[in-house]
PDB file of N, CA and C in Angstrom:
ATOM      1  N   MET A   1     -22.331 -57.614 -71.411  1.00  0.00           N
ATOM      2  CA  MET A   1     -21.299 -59.048 -70.615  1.00  0.00           C
ATOM      3  C   MET A   1     -22.041 -58.338 -68.970  1.00  0.00           C
ATOM      4  N   THR A   2     -21.689 -59.439 -68.731  1.00  0.00           N
ATOM      5  CA  THR A   2     -22.070 -59.627 -66.832  1.00  0.00           C
ATOM      6  C   THR A   2     -21.326 -59.192 -66.099  1.00  0.00           C
ATOM      7  N   GLY A   3     -19.903 -58.138 -66.202  1.00  0.00           N
ATOM      8  CA  GLY A   3     -19.801 -58.125 -65.245  1.00  0.00           C
ATOM      9  C   GLY A   3     -17.454 -59.635 -65.238  1.00  0.00           C
ATOM     10  N   PRO A   4     -16.345 -58.885 -64.209  1.00  0.00           N
ATOM     11  CA  PRO A   4     -15.346 -58.788 -64.412  1.00  0.00           C
ATOM     12  C   PRO A   4     -15.640 -60.461 -63.997  1.00  0.00           C
ATOM     13  N   ASP A   5     -14.923 -61.459 -64.770  1.00  0.00           N
ATOM     14  CA  ASP A   5     -14.780 -62.778 -64.214  1.00  0.00           C
ATOM     15  C   ASP A   5     -14.001 -62.647 -62.679  1.00  0.00           C
ATOM     16  N   PRO A   6     -14.802 -63.824 -61.946  1.00  0.00           N
ATOM     17  CA  PRO A   6     -14.527 -64.032 -60.480  1.00  0.00           C
ATOM     18  C   PRO A   6     -13.406 -64.258 -60.775  1.00  0.00           C
ATOM     19  N   ALA A   7     -12.137 -63.956 -59.234  1.00  0.00           N
ATOM     20  CA  ALA A   7     -10.790 -64.264 -59.383  1.00  0.00           C
ATOM     21  C   ALA A   7     -10.957 -65.867 -59.299  1.00  0.00           C
ATOM     22  N   PRO A   8      -9.805 -66.600 -59.626  1.00  0.00           N
ATOM     23  CA  PRO A   8      -9.229 -68.317 -59.812  1.00  0.00           C
ATOM     24  C   PRO A   8      -9.096 -68.515 -58.497  1.00  0.00           C
ATOM     25  N   GLU A   9      -9.683 -69.564 -58.315  1.00  0.00           N
ATOM     26  CA  GLU A   9      -9.558 -69.820 -56.488  1.00  0.00           C
ATOM     27  C   GLU A   9      -8.001 -70.418 -56.888  1.00  0.00           C
ATOM     28  N   THR A  10      -7.686 -69.810 -55.264  1.00  0.00           N
ATOM     29  CA  THR A  10      -6.171 -70.400 -54.892  1.00  0.00           C
ATOM     30  C   THR A  10      -6.478 -71.964 -54.287  1.00  0.00           C
ATOM     31  N   PRO A  11      -5.210 -72.465 -55.114  1.00  0.00           N
ATOM     32  CA  PRO A  11      -5.321 -74.023 -53.674  1.00  0.00           C
ATOM     33  C   PRO A  11      -4.923 -73.318 -52.483  1.00  0.00           C
ATOM     34  N   ARG A  12      -5.461 -74.470 -51.295  1.00  0.00           N
ATOM     35  CA  ARG A  12      -5.434 -74.646 -50.132  1.00  0.00           C
ATOM     36  C   ARG A  12      -3.895 -75.104 -49.156  1.00  0.00           C
ATOM     37  N   ALA A  13      -3.247 -74.053 -49.241  1.00  0.00           N
ATOM     38  CA  ALA A  13      -1.790 -74.722 -48.150  1.00  0.00           C
ATOM     39  C   ALA A  13      -2.625 -76.198 -47.500  1.00  0.00           C
ATOM     40  N   ARG A  14      -2.280 -77.344 -47.940  1.00  0.00           N
ATOM     41  CA  ARG A  14      -2.234 -78.302 -46.680  1.00  0.00           C
ATOM     42  C   ARG A  14      -1.854 -78.235 -45.527  1.00  0.00           C
ATOM     43  N   ARG A  15      -2.505 -78.481 -44.795  1.00  0.00           N
ATOM     44  CA  ARG A  15      -2.469 -78.388 -43.361  1.00  0.00           C
ATOM     45  C   ARG A  15      -2.292 -80.087 -42.222  1.00  0.00           C
ATOM     46  N   PRO A  16      -1.387 -79.614 -41.384  1.00  0.00           N
ATOM     47  CA  PRO A  16      -0.837 -80.745 -40.851  1.00  0.00           C
ATOM     48  C   PRO A  16      -2.146 -80.911 -39.679  1.00  0.00           C
ATOM     49  N   ALA A  17      -2.829 -82.364 -39.564  1.00  0.00           N
ATOM     50  CA  ALA A  17      -3.400 -83.261 -38.531  1.00  0.00           C
ATOM     51  C   ALA A  17      -3.898 -82.860 -37.670  1.00  0.00           C
ATOM     52  N   ASN A  18      -2.728 -81.947 -37.065  1.00  0.00           N
ATOM     53  CA  ASN A  18      -3.395 -81.404 -35.582  1.00  0.00           C
ATOM     54  C   ASN A  18      -3.018 -80.440 -35.752  1.00  0.00           C
ATOM     55  N   TRP A  19      -3.708 -79.349 -36.509  1.00  0.00           N
ATOM     56  CA  TRP A  19      -3.209 -77.935 -37.450  1.00  0.00           C
ATOM     57  C   TRP A  19      -4.559 -77.198 -35.943  1.00  0.00           C
ATOM     58  N   GLY A  20      -4.150 -76.294 -35.121  1.00  0.00           N
ATOM     59  CA  GLY A  20      -6.367 -75.868 -34.834  1.00  0.00           C
ATOM     60  C   GLY A  20      -5.785 -76.262 -33.161  1.00  0.00           C
ATOM     61  N   SER A  21      -6.848 -76.404 -32.969  1.00  0.00           N
ATOM     62  CA  SER A  21      -6.846 -76.488 -31.599  1.00  0.00           C
ATOM     63  C   SER A  21      -7.297 -77.873 -31.541  1.00  0.00           C
ATOM     64  N   GLN A  22      -6.707 -78.682 -30.703  1.00  0.00           N
ATOM     65  CA  GLN A  22      -6.778 -80.392 -30.575  1.00  0.00           C
ATOM     66  C   GLN A  22      -6.979 -80.802 -29.254  1.00  0.00           C
ATOM     67  N   PRO A  23      -7.854 -81.143 -28.740  1.00  0.00           N
ATOM     68  CA  PRO A  23      -8.422 -81.798 -28.042  1.00  0.00           C
ATOM     69  C   PRO A  23      -7.035 -82.817 -27.352  1.00  0.00           C
ATOM     70  N   LEU A  24      -6.396 -82.905 -25.980  1.00  0.00           N
ATOM     71  CA  LEU A  24      -5.313 -83.723 -25.770  1.00  0.00           C
ATOM     72  C   LEU A  24      -5.572 -85.039 -26.006  1.00  0.00           C
ATOM     73  N   GLY A  25      -6.594 -85.487 -25.574  1.00  0.00           N
ATOM     74  CA  GLY A  25      -7.242 -86.960 -26.057  1.00  0.00           C
ATOM     75  C   GLY A  25      -6.895 -88.079 -25.170  1.00  0.00           C
ATOM     76  N   LEU A  26      -6.073 -89.142 -25.464  1.00  0.00           N
ATOM     77  CA  LEU A  26      -5.418 -90.300 -24.783  1.00  0.00           C
ATOM     78  C   LEU A  26      -4.081 -89.334 -24.011  1.00  0.00           C
ATOM     79  N   TRP A  27      -3.723 -88.305 -24.566  1.00  0.00           N
ATOM     80  CA  TRP A  27      -2.233 -87.700 -24.181  1.00  0.00           C
ATOM     81  C   TRP A  27      -1.679 -88.458 -23.134  1.00  0.00           C
ATOM     82  N   TRP A  28      -2.495 -88.250 -22.270  1.00  0.00           N
ATOM     83  CA  TRP A  28      -2.796 -88.382 -20.566  1.00  0.00           C
ATOM     84  C   TRP A  28      -1.666 -89.597 -20.550  1.00  0.00           C
ATOM     85  N   VAL A  29      -2.147 -91.004 -21.097  1.00  0.00           N
ATOM     86  CA  VAL A  29      -1.146 -92.364 -21.454  1.00  0.00           C
ATOM     87  C   VAL A  29      -0.017 -91.914 -21.220  1.00  0.00           C
ATOM     88  N   LEU A  30       0.992 -91.307 -21.858  1.00  0.00           N
ATOM     89  CA  LEU A  30       2.026 -91.488 -22.321  1.00  0.00           C
ATOM     90  C   LEU A  30       2.727 -90.995 -20.602  1.00  0.00           C
ATOM     91  N   PRO A  31       2.612 -89.659 -19.822  1.00  0.00           N
ATOM     92  CA  PRO A  31       3.677 -88.757 -19.276  1.00  0.00           C
ATOM     93  C   PRO A  31       2.753 -90.152 -17.504  1.00  0.00           C
ATOM     94  N   LEU A  32       1.365 -90.140 -17.972  1.00  0.00           N
ATOM     95  CA  LEU A  32       1.161 -91.254 -16.691  1.00  0.00           C
ATOM     96  C   LEU A  32       2.021 -92.543 -16.106  1.00  0.00           C
ATOM     97  N   GLY A  33       2.364 -93.028 -17.914  1.00  0.00           N
ATOM     98  CA  GLY A  33       3.266 -94.111 -17.324  1.00  0.00           C
ATOM     99  C   GLY A  33       4.302 -93.357 -17.516  1.00  0.00           C
ATOM    100  N   LEU A  34       4.957 -92.543 -16.965  1.00  0.00           N
ATOM    101  CA  LEU A  34       6.494 -92.053 -17.676  1.00  0.00           C
ATOM    102  C   LEU A  34       6.466 -91.734 -16.257  1.00  0.00           C
ATOM    103  N   ALA A  35       5.724 -91.110 -15.104  1.00  0.00           N
ATOM    104  CA  ALA A  35       5.400 -91.014 -14.093  1.00  0.00           C
ATOM    105  C   ALA A  35       5.608 -92.162 -13.207  1.00  0.00           C
ATOM    106  N   VAL A  36       4.687 -92.977 -13.411  1.00  0.00           N
ATOM    107  CA  VAL A  36       4.989 -94.873 -13.093  1.00  0.00           C
ATOM    108  C   VAL A  36       6.179 -95.406 -13.403  1.00  0.00           C
ATOM    109  N   ALA A  37       7.089 -94.526 -14.082  1.00  0.00           N
ATOM    110  CA  ALA A  37       8.019 -95.575 -14.920  1.00  0.00           C
ATOM    111  C   ALA A  37       8.825 -94.815 -13.285  1.00  0.00           C
ATOM    112  N   VAL A  38       9.084 -93.839 -13.124  1.00  0.00           N
ATOM    113  CA  VAL A  38       9.934 -93.203 -12.591  1.00  0.00           C
ATOM    114  C   VAL A  38       9.632 -93.754 -11.047  1.00  0.00           C
ATOM    115  N   VAL A  39       8.550 -93.744  -9.918  1.00  0.00           N
ATOM    116  CA  VAL A  39       8.390 -94.074  -9.513  1.00  0.00           C
ATOM    117  C   VAL A  39       9.502 -95.797  -9.087  1.00  0.00           C
ATOM    118  N   VAL A  40       8.689 -96.676  -9.992  1.00  0.00           N
ATOM    119  CA  VAL A  40       9.723 -98.302 -10.405  1.00  0.00           C
ATOM    120  C   VAL A  40      11.145 -97.711 -10.367  1.00  0.00           C
ATOM    121  N   LEU A  41      11.275 -97.033 -10.534  1.00  0.00           N
ATOM    122  CA  LEU A  41      12.800 -96.138 -10.855  1.00  0.00           C
ATOM    123  C   LEU A  41      13.246 -96.358  -9.397  1.00  0.00           C
ATOM    124  N   PHE A  42      12.493 -95.959  -8.504  1.00  0.00           N
ATOM    125  CA  PHE A  42      13.299 -95.379  -6.833  1.00  0.00           C
ATOM    126  C   PHE A  42      12.941 -96.825  -6.384  1.00  0.00           C
ATOM    127  N   ASN A  43      12.021 -97.787  -6.375  1.00  0.00           N
ATOM    128  CA  ASN A  43      12.003 -98.544  -5.652  1.00  0.00           C
ATOM    129  C   ASN A  43      12.158-100.004  -6.412  1.00  0.00           C
ATOM    130  N   GLY A  44      11.823 -99.936  -7.392  1.00  0.00           N
ATOM    131  CA  GLY A  44      12.716-101.576  -8.441  1.00  0.00           C
ATOM    132  C   GLY A  44      13.528-101.924  -8.676  1.00  0.00           C
ATOM    133  N   GLY A  45      14.381-100.314  -9.326  1.00  0.00           N
ATOM    134  CA  GLY A  45      15.470-100.637 -10.361  1.00  0.00           C
ATOM    135  C   GLY A  45      15.254-100.169 -11.158  1.00  0.00           C
ATOM    136  N   LEU A  46      16.535 -99.724 -11.990  1.00  0.00           N
ATOM    137  CA  LEU A  46      16.398 -99.282 -13.642  1.00  0.00           C
ATOM    138  C   LEU A  46      16.113-100.309 -14.778  1.00  0.00           C
ATOM    139  N   ARG A  47      16.183-101.736 -14.301  1.00  0.00           N
ATOM    140  CA  ARG A  47      16.048-102.758 -15.629  1.00  0.00           C
ATOM    141  C   ARG A  47      14.100-102.201 -15.584  1.00  0.00           C
ATOM    142  N   ALA A  48      13.593-102.560 -14.174  1.00  0.00           N
ATOM    143  CA  ALA A  48      12.045-102.448 -14.312  1.00  0.00           C
ATOM    144  C   ALA A  48      11.595-101.556 -15.064  1.00  0.00           C
ATOM    145  N   SER A  49      12.048-100.450 -14.429  1.00  0.00           N
ATOM    146  CA  SER A  49      11.615 -98.823 -15.117  1.00  0.00           C
ATOM    147  C   SER A  49      11.813 -99.015 -16.474  1.00  0.00           C
ATOM    148  N   GLY A  50      13.094 -99.795 -17.422  1.00  0.00           N
ATOM    149  CA  GLY A  50      12.992 -99.800 -18.310  1.00  0.00           C
ATOM    150  C   GLY A  50      12.102-100.019 -19.365  1.00  0.00           C
ATOM    151  N   TYR A  51      11.664-101.179 -18.790  1.00  0.00           N
ATOM    152  CA  TYR A  51       9.979-102.374 -19.238  1.00  0.00           C
ATOM    153  C   TYR A  51       9.137-101.377 -19.069  1.00  0.00           C
ATOM    154  N   VAL A  52       9.203-100.570 -17.968  1.00  0.00           N
ATOM    155  CA  VAL A  52       7.635 -99.827 -18.059  1.00  0.00           C
ATOM    156  C   VAL A  52       7.149 -98.877 -18.855  1.00  0.00           C
ATOM    157  N   ILE A  53       8.232 -98.038 -19.256  1.00  0.00           N
ATOM    158  CA  ILE A  53       8.798 -97.000 -19.939  1.00  0.00           C
ATOM    159  C   ILE A  53       8.361 -97.960 -21.385  1.00  0.00           C
ATOM    160  N   ALA A  54       8.939 -98.583 -21.985  1.00  0.00           N
ATOM    161  CA  ALA A  54       9.339 -99.980 -23.108  1.00  0.00           C
ATOM    162  C   ALA A  54       7.218-100.494 -23.095  1.00  0.00           C
ATOM    163  N   GLY A  55       6.733-100.616 -22.204  1.00  0.00           N
ATOM    164  CA  GLY A  55       4.899-101.272 -21.963  1.00  0.00           C
ATOM    165  C   GLY A  55       4.463 -99.462 -22.177  1.00  0.00           C
ATOM    166  N   THR A  56       4.669 -98.439 -21.812  1.00  0.00           N
ATOM    167  CA  THR A  56       3.918 -97.305 -21.618  1.00  0.00           C
ATOM    168  C   THR A  56       3.887 -96.836 -23.349  1.00  0.00           C
ATOM    169  N   LEU A  57       4.995 -96.842 -24.123  1.00  0.00           N
ATOM    170  CA  LEU A  57       5.356 -96.777 -25.618  1.00  0.00           C
ATOM    171  C   LEU A  57       4.655 -97.855 -26.208  1.00  0.00           C
ATOM    172  N   ALA A  58       4.285 -99.644 -26.496  1.00  0.00           N
ATOM    173  CA  ALA A  58       3.770-100.249 -26.704  1.00  0.00           C
ATOM    174  C   ALA A  58       1.962 -99.997 -26.529  1.00  0.00           C
ATOM    175  N   LEU A  59       1.890 -99.175 -25.531  1.00  0.00           N
ATOM    176  CA  LEU A  59       0.498 -98.993 -25.271  1.00  0.00           C
ATOM    177  C   LEU A  59      -0.324 -98.229 -26.260  1.00  0.00           C
ATOM    178  N   CYS A  60       1.097 -97.109 -25.978  1.00  0.00           N
ATOM    179  CA  CYS A  60       0.380 -95.549 -27.186  1.00  0.00           C
ATOM    180  C   CYS A  60      -0.043 -96.178 -28.731  1.00  0.00           C
ATOM    181  N   ALA A  61       1.494 -96.930 -29.038  1.00  0.00           N
ATOM    182  CA  ALA A  61       1.542 -97.695 -30.503  1.00  0.00           C
ATOM    183  C   ALA A  61       0.084 -98.188 -30.663  1.00  0.00           C
ATOM    184  N   LEU A  62      -0.807 -99.122 -29.253  1.00  0.00           N
ATOM    185  CA  LEU A  62      -1.392 -99.522 -29.736  1.00  0.00           C
ATOM    186  C   LEU A  62      -2.670 -98.513 -29.915  1.00  0.00           C
ATOM    187  N   LEU A  63      -3.072 -97.896 -28.657  1.00  0.00           N
ATOM    188  CA  LEU A  63      -3.739 -96.832 -28.417  1.00  0.00           C
ATOM    189  C   LEU A  63      -4.394 -95.838 -30.351  1.00  0.00           C
ATOM    190  N   ARG A  64      -2.941 -95.999 -30.114  1.00  0.00           N
ATOM    191  CA  ARG A  64      -2.776 -94.968 -31.812  1.00  0.00           C
ATOM    192  C   ARG A  64      -3.142 -95.867 -33.175  1.00  0.00           C
ATOM    193  N   LEU A  65      -3.519 -96.758 -32.436  1.00  0.00           N
ATOM    194  CA  LEU A  65      -3.596 -98.356 -34.130  1.00  0.00           C
ATOM    195  C   LEU A  65      -5.077 -98.176 -33.889  1.00  0.00           C
ATOM    196  N   VAL A  66      -5.038 -98.526 -33.286  1.00  0.00           N
ATOM    197  CA  VAL A  66      -7.098 -98.966 -33.033  1.00  0.00           C
ATOM    198  C   VAL A  66      -7.921 -97.569 -32.337  1.00  0.00           C
ATOM    199  N   VAL A  67      -7.399 -96.464 -32.112  1.00  0.00           N
ATOM    200  CA  VAL A  67      -8.931 -95.605 -31.243  1.00  0.00           C
ATOM    201  C   VAL A  67      -8.668 -94.660 -32.083  1.00  0.00           C
ATOM    202  N   PRO A  68      -9.901 -94.091 -32.733  1.00  0.00           N
ATOM    203  CA  PRO A  68      -9.732 -93.080 -33.538  1.00  0.00           C
ATOM    204  C   PRO A  68      -9.187 -91.388 -33.492  1.00  0.00           C
ATOM    205  N   ARG A  69      -8.982 -91.243 -34.823  1.00  0.00           N
ATOM    206  CA  ARG A  69      -7.634 -90.359 -35.075  1.00  0.00           C
ATOM    207  C   ARG A  69      -8.290 -89.189 -33.923  1.00  0.00           C
ATOM    208  N   GLY A  70     -10.364 -89.193 -34.040  1.00  0.00           N
ATOM    209  CA  GLY A  70     -10.320 -87.719 -32.501  1.00  0.00           C
ATOM    210  C   GLY A  70     -10.098 -88.293 -30.987  1.00  0.00           C
ATOM    211  N   ALA A  71     -10.162 -89.197 -31.232  1.00  0.00           N
ATOM    212  CA  ALA A  71     -10.930 -89.677 -29.545  1.00  0.00           C
ATOM    213  C   ALA A  71      -8.913 -89.282 -28.909  1.00  0.00           C
ATOM    214  N   VAL A  72      -7.941 -90.205 -30.166  1.00  0.00           N
ATOM    215  CA  VAL A  72      -6.322 -90.162 -29.407  1.00  0.00           C
ATOM    216  C   VAL A  72      -5.829 -88.630 -29.317  1.00  0.00           C
ATOM    217  N   GLY A  73      -6.056 -87.428 -29.826  1.00  0.00           N
ATOM    218  CA  GLY A  73      -5.486 -86.076 -29.643  1.00  0.00           C
ATOM    219  C   GLY A  73      -4.117 -85.792 -30.046  1.00  0.00           C
ATOM    220  N   GLY A  74      -3.530 -85.940 -28.751  1.00  0.00           N
ATOM    221  CA  GLY A  74      -1.618 -85.194 -29.304  1.00  0.00           C
ATOM    222  C   GLY A  74      -1.206 -86.810 -29.517  1.00  0.00           C
ATOM    223  N   LEU A  75      -1.295 -87.725 -29.581  1.00  0.00           N
ATOM    224  CA  LEU A  75      -0.120 -88.982 -29.852  1.00  0.00           C
ATOM    225  C   LEU A  75      -0.784 -88.631 -31.180  1.00  0.00           C
ATOM    226  N   VAL A  76      -1.380 -87.985 -32.655  1.00  0.00           N
ATOM    227  CA  VAL A  76      -1.530 -87.816 -33.729  1.00  0.00           C
ATOM    228  C   VAL A  76      -0.188 -87.105 -33.618  1.00  0.00           C
ATOM    229  N   VAL A  77       0.527 -87.578 -34.847  1.00  0.00           N
ATOM    230  CA  VAL A  77       1.664 -86.534 -34.741  1.00  0.00           C
ATOM    231  C   VAL A  77       1.982 -86.268 -37.000  1.00  0.00           C
ATOM    232  N   ARG A  78       1.992 -87.959 -37.355  1.00  0.00           N
ATOM    233  CA  ARG A  78       1.999 -87.991 -38.647  1.00  0.00           C
ATOM    234  C   ARG A  78       0.574 -89.012 -39.010  1.00  0.00           C
ATOM    235  N   SER A  79       1.077 -89.741 -39.810  1.00  0.00           N
ATOM    236  CA  SER A  79      -0.048 -90.600 -40.263  1.00  0.00           C
ATOM    237  C   SER A  79       0.144 -91.330 -39.069  1.00  0.00           C
ATOM    238  N   ARG A  80      -1.030 -93.051 -39.044  1.00  0.00           N
ATOM    239  CA  ARG A  80      -1.445 -93.490 -38.046  1.00  0.00           C
ATOM    240  C   ARG A  80      -0.247 -94.578 -38.122  1.00  0.00           C
ATOM    241  N   ALA A  81       0.318 -95.501 -39.393  1.00  0.00           N
ATOM    242  CA  ALA A  81       1.122 -96.329 -39.436  1.00  0.00           C
ATOM    243  C   ALA A  81       2.435 -95.418 -39.137  1.00  0.00           C
ATOM    244  N   TRP A  82       2.769 -94.189 -39.512  1.00  0.00           N
ATOM    245  CA  TRP A  82       4.168 -93.521 -39.414  1.00  0.00           C
ATOM    246  C   TRP A  82       4.581 -93.708 -37.609  1.00  0.00           C
ATOM    247  N   ASP A  83       2.975 -93.065 -36.947  1.00  0.00           N
ATOM    248  CA  ASP A  83       3.032 -93.257 -35.587  1.00  0.00           C
ATOM    249  C   ASP A  83       3.283 -94.737 -34.737  1.00  0.00           C
ATOM    250  N   VAL A  84       2.420 -95.527 -35.280  1.00  0.00           N
ATOM    251  CA  VAL A  84       2.673 -97.028 -34.612  1.00  0.00           C
ATOM    252  C   VAL A  84       4.092 -97.105 -34.686  1.00  0.00           C
ATOM    253  N   LEU A  85       4.274 -97.266 -35.899  1.00  0.00           N
ATOM    254  CA  LEU A  85       6.057 -97.888 -36.398  1.00  0.00           C
ATOM    255  C   LEU A  85       7.088 -97.112 -35.389  1.00  0.00           C
ATOM    256  N   THR A  86       7.013 -95.806 -34.597  1.00  0.00           N
ATOM    257  CA  THR A  86       7.835 -95.285 -34.417  1.00  0.00           C
ATOM    258  C   THR A  86       7.572 -95.687 -32.929  1.00  0.00           C
ATOM    259  N   LEU A  87       6.290 -95.639 -32.801  1.00  0.00           N
ATOM    260  CA  LEU A  87       6.399 -95.679 -31.276  1.00  0.00           C
ATOM    261  C   LEU A  87       6.678 -97.405 -30.590  1.00  0.00           C
ATOM    262  N   LEU A  88       6.395 -97.963 -31.457  1.00  0.00           N
ATOM    263  CA  LEU A  88       6.645 -99.782 -31.700  1.00  0.00           C
ATOM    264  C   LEU A  88       8.152 -99.768 -31.637  1.00  0.00           C
ATOM    265  N   ALA A  89       9.168 -98.766 -32.957  1.00  0.00           N
ATOM    266  CA  ALA A  89      10.280 -98.906 -32.634  1.00  0.00           C
ATOM    267  C   ALA A  89      11.221 -98.168 -30.890  1.00  0.00           C
ATOM    268  N   LEU A  90      10.629 -97.316 -30.511  1.00  0.00           N
ATOM    269  CA  LEU A  90      10.656 -96.775 -28.958  1.00  0.00           C
ATOM    270  C   LEU A  90      11.039 -98.040 -28.298  1.00  0.00           C
ATOM    271  N   ALA A  91       9.625 -99.133 -28.734  1.00  0.00           N
ATOM    272  CA  ALA A  91       9.651 -99.601 -26.926  1.00  0.00           C
ATOM    273  C   ALA A  91      10.296-100.957 -27.115  1.00  0.00           C
ATOM    274  N   VAL A  92      10.201-101.381 -28.403  1.00  0.00           N
ATOM    275  CA  VAL A  92      11.452-102.219 -28.512  1.00  0.00           C
ATOM    276  C   VAL A  92      12.869-102.146 -28.092  1.00  0.00           C
ATOM    277  N   GLY A  93      13.259-100.900 -28.988  1.00  0.00           N
ATOM    278  CA  GLY A  93      14.540-100.422 -28.430  1.00  0.00           C
ATOM    279  C   GLY A  93      15.105-100.233 -27.035  1.00  0.00           C
ATOM    280  N   ILE A  94      14.022 -99.320 -26.162  1.00  0.00           N
ATOM    281  CA  ILE A  94      14.290 -99.496 -25.054  1.00  0.00           C
ATOM    282  C   ILE A  94      13.984-100.220 -24.181  1.00  0.00           C
ATOM    283  N   ALA A  95      13.018-101.452 -24.783  1.00  0.00           N
ATOM    284  CA  ALA A  95      13.091-102.861 -23.902  1.00  0.00           C
ATOM    285  C   ALA A  95      14.132-103.464 -24.241  1.00  0.00           C
ATOM    286  N   GLY A  96      15.104-103.193 -25.424  1.00  0.00           N
ATOM    287  CA  GLY A  96      16.194-104.750 -25.825  1.00  0.00           C
ATOM    288  C   GLY A  96      17.399-103.756 -24.871  1.00  0.00           C
ATOM    289  N   LEU A  97      17.441-102.330 -23.884  1.00  0.00           N
ATOM    290  CA  LEU A  97      18.621-101.362 -23.529  1.00  0.00           C
ATOM    291  C   LEU A  97      18.273-102.200 -22.219  1.00  0.00           C
ATOM    292  N   SER A  98      17.177-101.939 -22.104  1.00  0.00           N
ATOM    293  CA  SER A  98      16.875-102.556 -20.647  1.00  0.00           C
ATOM    294  C   SER A  98      16.945-104.119 -19.934  1.00  0.00           C
ATOM    295  N   ALA A  99      16.969-105.124 -21.241  1.00  0.00           N
ATOM    296  CA  ALA A  99      17.783-106.485 -20.650  1.00  0.00           C
ATOM    297  C   ALA A  99      18.811-106.281 -21.008  1.00  0.00           C
ATOM    298  N   THR A 100      19.630-105.446 -21.836  1.00  0.00           N
ATOM    299  CA  THR A 100      21.008-105.982 -21.761  1.00  0.00           C
ATOM    300  C   THR A 100      21.247-104.951 -21.004  1.00  0.00           C
ATOM    301  N   LEU A 101      21.185-104.240 -19.812  1.00  0.00           N
ATOM    302  CA  LEU A 101      21.958-103.834 -18.369  1.00  0.00           C
ATOM    303  C   LEU A 101      22.795-104.709 -18.111  1.00  0.00           C
ATOM    304  N   LEU A 102      23.621-104.547 -17.701  1.00  0.00           N
ATOM    305  CA  LEU A 102      24.581-104.992 -16.247  1.00  0.00           C
ATOM    306  C   LEU A 102      25.219-103.755 -15.680  1.00  0.00           C
ATOM    307  N   ILE A 103      24.532-104.471 -14.060  1.00  0.00           N
ATOM    308  CA  ILE A 103      23.715-103.623 -13.250  1.00  0.00           C
ATOM    309  C   ILE A 103      24.521-104.170 -12.470  1.00  0.00           C
ATOM    310  N   ARG A 104      25.702-104.009 -11.527  1.00  0.00           N
ATOM    311  CA  ARG A 104      26.038-104.287 -10.474  1.00  0.00           C
ATOM    312  C   ARG A 104      26.150-104.246  -9.294  1.00  0.00           C
TER     313      ARG A 104
END
Protein backbone atom coordinates (compact mmCIF):
# COMPACT_ATOMS: atom_id res chain seq x y z
CA MET A 1 0.00 0.00 0.00
CA THR A 2 1.29 3.37 -0.94
CA GLY A 3 -1.20 5.48 0.96
CA PRO A 4 -4.63 6.96 0.37
CA ASP A 5 -5.83 7.67 -3.11
CA PRO A 6 -5.46 11.31 -4.13
CA ALA A 7 -8.69 13.25 -4.20
CA PRO A 8 -10.29 13.29 -7.63
CA GLU A 9 -9.91 16.55 -9.46
CA THR A 10 -13.02 18.66 -9.41
CA PRO A 11 -13.88 20.37 -12.68
CA ARG A 12 -13.29 24.09 -12.62
CA ALA A 13 -16.20 26.36 -13.17
CA ARG A 14 -16.04 28.11 -16.50
CA ARG A 15 -15.22 31.77 -15.98
CA PRO A 16 -16.32 34.64 -18.18
CA ALA A 17 -13.88 36.05 -20.72
CA ASN A 18 -13.36 39.25 -18.73
CA TRP A 19 -12.86 37.59 -15.34
CA GLY A 20 -10.36 39.23 -13.01
CA SER A 21 -8.35 42.32 -13.67
CA GLN A 22 -8.71 43.25 -17.30
CA PRO A 23 -7.29 46.49 -18.63
CA LEU A 24 -9.78 48.76 -20.34
CA GLY A 25 -7.89 48.67 -23.62
CA LEU A 26 -9.72 50.43 -26.44
CA TRP A 27 -12.86 50.92 -24.35
CA TRP A 28 -12.14 54.66 -24.22
CA VAL A 29 -13.36 54.97 -27.84
CA LEU A 30 -16.97 54.57 -26.71
CA PRO A 31 -17.14 57.35 -24.08
CA LEU A 32 -15.02 59.62 -26.29
CA GLY A 33 -17.46 59.16 -29.19
CA LEU A 34 -20.42 59.82 -26.90
CA ALA A 35 -18.77 62.99 -25.62
CA VAL A 36 -18.29 64.14 -29.22
CA ALA A 37 -21.98 63.35 -29.83
CA VAL A 38 -22.97 65.63 -26.93
CA VAL A 39 -20.88 68.48 -28.39
CA VAL A 40 -22.47 67.88 -31.80
CA LEU A 41 -25.91 67.84 -30.17
CA PHE A 42 -25.45 71.37 -28.86
CA ASN A 43 -23.83 72.67 -32.03
CA GLY A 44 -25.23 70.69 -34.93
CA GLY A 45 -28.55 69.25 -33.89
CA LEU A 46 -30.19 66.02 -32.87
CA ARG A 47 -29.94 64.18 -36.19
CA ALA A 48 -26.19 64.78 -36.51
CA SER A 49 -25.66 63.69 -32.93
CA GLY A 50 -27.49 60.42 -33.63
CA TYR A 51 -25.24 59.78 -36.60
CA VAL A 52 -22.16 60.36 -34.44
CA ILE A 53 -23.45 57.85 -31.88
CA ALA A 54 -24.18 55.32 -34.65
CA GLY A 55 -20.70 55.86 -36.10
CA THR A 56 -19.13 55.39 -32.68
CA LEU A 57 -20.96 52.10 -32.19
CA ALA A 58 -19.97 50.94 -35.69
CA LEU A 59 -16.34 51.85 -34.99
CA CYS A 60 -16.44 49.87 -31.74
CA ALA A 61 -17.89 46.90 -33.66
CA LEU A 62 -15.06 47.13 -36.19
CA LEU A 63 -12.46 47.33 -33.42
CA ARG A 64 -14.01 44.33 -31.66
CA LEU A 65 -13.90 42.41 -34.95
CA VAL A 66 -10.28 43.06 -35.98
CA VAL A 67 -8.30 43.86 -32.82
CA PRO A 68 -7.02 40.96 -30.68
CA ARG A 69 -8.94 40.13 -27.52
CA GLY A 70 -6.28 41.43 -25.13
CA ALA A 71 -6.18 44.86 -26.76
CA VAL A 72 -9.91 45.64 -26.90
CA GLY A 73 -10.29 45.29 -23.14
CA GLY A 74 -13.64 46.61 -21.96
CA LEU A 75 -15.33 46.03 -25.32
CA VAL A 76 -15.23 42.28 -24.63
CA VAL A 77 -18.57 41.20 -23.22
CA ARG A 78 -19.51 37.90 -24.85
CA SER A 79 -18.14 36.12 -27.88
CA ARG A 80 -16.64 38.16 -30.69
CA ALA A 81 -19.51 37.45 -33.07
CA TRP A 82 -22.18 38.31 -30.51
CA ASP A 83 -20.45 41.57 -29.52
CA VAL A 84 -20.03 42.67 -33.15
CA LEU A 85 -23.62 41.81 -34.06
CA THR A 86 -24.99 43.64 -31.03
CA LEU A 87 -22.94 46.77 -31.66
CA LEU A 88 -23.85 46.81 -35.36
CA ALA A 89 -27.55 46.29 -34.61
CA LEU A 90 -27.47 49.23 -32.20
CA ALA A 91 -25.61 51.37 -34.76
CA VAL A 92 -28.09 50.58 -37.52
CA GLY A 93 -31.05 51.16 -35.20
CA ILE A 94 -29.79 54.54 -34.02
CA ALA A 95 -28.87 55.62 -37.55
CA GLY A 96 -32.33 54.60 -38.75
CA LEU A 97 -34.04 56.49 -35.94
CA SER A 98 -31.91 59.56 -36.61
CA ALA A 99 -32.72 59.47 -40.29
CA THR A 100 -36.46 59.34 -39.70
CA LEU A 101 -36.68 62.12 -37.12
CA LEU A 102 -39.19 64.84 -37.91
CA ILE A 103 -37.61 67.95 -36.48
CA ARG A 104 -39.58 71.17 -36.85
